[in-house]
């Protein structure tokens, strides 16, 4: 099993987030338009309507992102759309298919929590580590006992 080169990993990451931002942006059109209405006419009803719509939209975005990064890879042998396009996949260190628990640790703890707590700087640190060391292992790979490999 050959570890994936950094370039396909980075490109898959960018493609996945382009897909996510496009869909979340589409979902968010209504609250964005409602924000203009509230700015023009800040009535209690408009503000309440915007608040409810924003919470529902945020919930839908959260569900979509969770499904995309946690459920899709479990169902498709460690691949998101970006990983499938660039012919790479996530596996456990022993070579077996990645499971939900490992993906949860990898994506939620190893990426989201760390990214938020470092104000996004860990994304650049992961990219640098990925590109500069021979093992091609990032913090979230180590934490979740996973690796990204080429699809054979």
Protein backbone atom coordinates (compact mmCIF):
# COMPACT_ATOMS: atom_id res chain seq x y z
CA UNK A 1 0.00 0.00 0.00
CA UNK A 2 1.61 3.22 -1.18
CA UNK A 3 0.98 6.43 0.75
CA UNK A 4 -0.55 9.16 -1.40
CA UNK A 5 1.64 11.99 -2.65
CA UNK A 6 0.89 15.38 -1.04
CA UNK A 7 -0.40 17.02 -4.24
CA UNK A 8 -3.43 14.72 -4.75
CA UNK A 9 -4.23 15.02 -1.03
CA UNK A 10 -4.19 18.81 -1.21
CA UNK A 11 -6.16 18.88 -4.47
CA UNK A 12 -8.77 16.46 -3.07
CA UNK A 13 -9.06 18.65 0.04
CA UNK A 14 -9.65 21.73 -2.10
CA UNK A 15 -12.18 19.98 -4.35
CA UNK A 16 -14.08 18.60 -1.35
CA UNK A 17 -14.31 22.04 0.25
CA UNK A 18 -15.32 23.62 -3.05
CA UNK A 19 -18.21 21.15 -3.21
CA UNK A 20 -19.12 21.77 0.44
CA UNK A 21 -18.96 25.57 0.14
CA UNK A 22 -21.01 25.51 -3.07
CA UNK A 23 -23.80 23.44 -1.55
CA UNK A 24 -23.75 25.28 1.79
CA UNK A 25 -23.75 28.58 -0.13
CA UNK A 26 -26.78 27.44 -2.10
CA UNK A 27 -28.53 26.41 1.12
CA UNK A 28 -27.69 29.81 2.65
CA UNK A 29 -29.22 31.98 -0.08
CA UNK A 30 -32.53 32.48 1.76
CA UNK A 31 -31.01 33.72 5.05
CA UNK A 32 -28.63 35.99 3.13
CA UNK A 33 -31.53 37.56 1.25
CA UNK A 34 -33.51 37.83 4.48
CA UNK A 35 -30.58 39.71 6.06
CA UNK A 36 -31.05 42.49 3.52
CA UNK A 37 -34.74 42.65 4.38
CA UNK A 38 -33.93 42.90 8.09
CA UNK A 39 -31.39 45.64 7.39
CA UNK A 40 -34.06 47.58 5.45
CA UNK A 41 -36.87 46.91 7.91
CA UNK A 42 -35.70 45.59 11.29
CA UNK A 43 -39.06 44.56 12.70
CA UNK A 44 -39.37 41.95 15.43
CA UNK A 45 -41.07 39.58 13.00
CA UNK A 46 -38.29 39.97 10.40
CA UNK A 47 -35.56 39.43 13.00
CA UNK A 48 -37.32 36.37 14.43
CA UNK A 49 -37.86 34.96 10.94
CA UNK A 50 -34.18 35.51 10.06
CA UNK A 51 -33.09 33.87 13.33
CA UNK A 52 -35.22 30.76 12.77
CA UNK A 53 -34.21 30.49 9.11
CA UNK A 54 -30.53 30.90 9.99
CA UNK A 55 -30.70 28.21 12.68
CA UNK A 56 -32.44 25.80 10.31
CA UNK A 57 -29.96 26.57 7.55
CA UNK A 58 -27.01 26.11 9.92
CA UNK A 59 -28.46 22.78 11.01
CA UNK A 60 -28.85 21.64 7.42
CA UNK A 61 -25.30 22.74 6.63
CA UNK A 62 -24.00 20.86 9.68
CA UNK A 63 -25.87 17.71 8.65
CA UNK A 64 -24.58 17.95 5.08
CA UNK A 65 -20.97 18.47 6.16
CA UNK A 66 -21.22 15.60 8.66
CA UNK A 67 -22.64 13.28 6.03
CA UNK A 68 -20.06 14.35 3.46
CA UNK A 69 -16.95 13.92 5.61
CA UNK A 70 -18.02 11.12 7.98
CA UNK A 71 -20.69 8.97 6.35
CA UNK A 72 -19.73 9.13 2.66
CA UNK A 73 -16.16 7.85 3.29
CA UNK A 74 -17.46 4.97 5.42
CA UNK A 75 -19.88 3.94 2.67
CA UNK A 76 -17.38 4.43 -0.17
CA UNK A 77 -14.26 2.75 1.24
CA UNK A 78 -12.57 5.88 2.56
CA UNK A 79 -13.32 8.20 -0.32
CA UNK A 80 -15.07 11.53 -0.69
CA UNK A 81 -15.77 12.94 -4.15
CA UNK A 82 -12.40 14.72 -4.10
CA UNK A 83 -10.52 11.61 -3.01
CA UNK A 84 -12.31 9.51 -5.63
CA UNK A 85 -11.46 12.05 -8.35
CA UNK A 86 -7.77 12.07 -7.36
CA UNK A 87 -7.69 8.28 -6.85
CA UNK A 88 -6.75 8.25 -3.16
CA UNK A 89 -8.50 6.94 -0.08
CA UNK A 90 -8.31 6.85 3.71
CA UNK A 91 -7.50 3.50 5.32
CA UNK A 92 -6.58 2.41 8.82
CA UNK A 93 -2.86 1.93 9.44
CA UNK A 94 -3.31 -1.83 9.16
CA UNK A 95 -4.71 -1.37 5.63
CA UNK A 96 -8.32 -2.17 6.52
CA UNK A 97 -11.24 0.03 5.54
CA UNK A 98 -11.73 3.11 7.69
CA UNK A 99 -14.70 3.07 10.05
CA UNK A 100 -16.92 5.78 11.52
CA UNK A 101 -15.03 5.94 14.83
CA UNK A 102 -11.67 6.53 13.12
CA UNK A 103 -13.21 9.12 10.79
CA UNK A 104 -14.83 10.89 13.73
CA UNK A 105 -11.48 11.16 15.50
CA UNK A 106 -9.76 12.20 12.27
CA UNK A 107 -12.26 14.77 11.03
CA UNK A 108 -13.93 16.15 14.16
CA UNK A 109 -11.16 16.04 16.74
CA UNK A 110 -8.08 16.01 14.53
CA UNK A 111 -9.26 18.61 12.05
CA UNK A 112 -12.25 20.67 13.16
CA UNK A 113 -11.43 21.10 16.86
CA UNK A 114 -7.73 21.62 16.22
CA UNK A 115 -8.40 23.99 13.30
CA UNK A 116 -10.78 26.12 15.36
CA UNK A 117 -8.51 26.15 18.41
CA UNK A 118 -5.55 27.31 16.27
CA UNK A 119 -7.64 29.80 14.27
CA UNK A 120 -6.98 27.83 11.08
CA UNK A 121 -3.20 27.83 11.37
CA UNK A 122 -3.13 24.05 11.76
CA UNK A 123 -4.36 23.70 8.16
CA UNK A 124 -1.16 25.35 6.96
CA UNK A 125 0.94 23.38 9.45
CA UNK A 126 -0.60 20.12 8.20
CA UNK A 127 0.10 21.10 4.60
CA UNK A 128 3.70 21.96 5.43
CA UNK A 129 4.25 18.72 7.36
CA UNK A 130 2.62 16.76 4.55
CA UNK A 131 4.86 18.31 1.92
CA UNK A 132 8.13 18.40 3.86
CA UNK A 133 8.39 14.98 5.47
CA UNK A 134 8.83 11.63 3.78
CA UNK A 135 6.21 9.72 5.80
CA UNK A 136 3.40 11.98 4.50
CA UNK A 137 1.58 11.78 7.82
CA UNK A 138 -0.34 14.66 9.40
CA UNK A 139 -1.51 15.15 12.98
CA UNK A 140 -5.03 13.94 12.19
CA UNK A 141 -3.56 10.80 10.53
CA UNK A 142 -1.55 10.01 13.67
CA UNK A 143 -4.42 10.78 16.04
CA UNK A 144 -6.86 8.52 14.18
CA UNK A 145 -4.35 5.78 13.19
CA UNK A 146 -5.20 6.31 9.52
CA UNK A 147 -3.30 7.07 6.36
CA UNK A 148 -4.15 8.21 2.86
CA UNK A 149 -3.08 5.85 0.13
CA UNK A 150 -3.23 5.63 -3.63
CA UNK A 151 -6.13 3.60 -5.02
CA UNK A 152 -4.71 0.52 -6.67
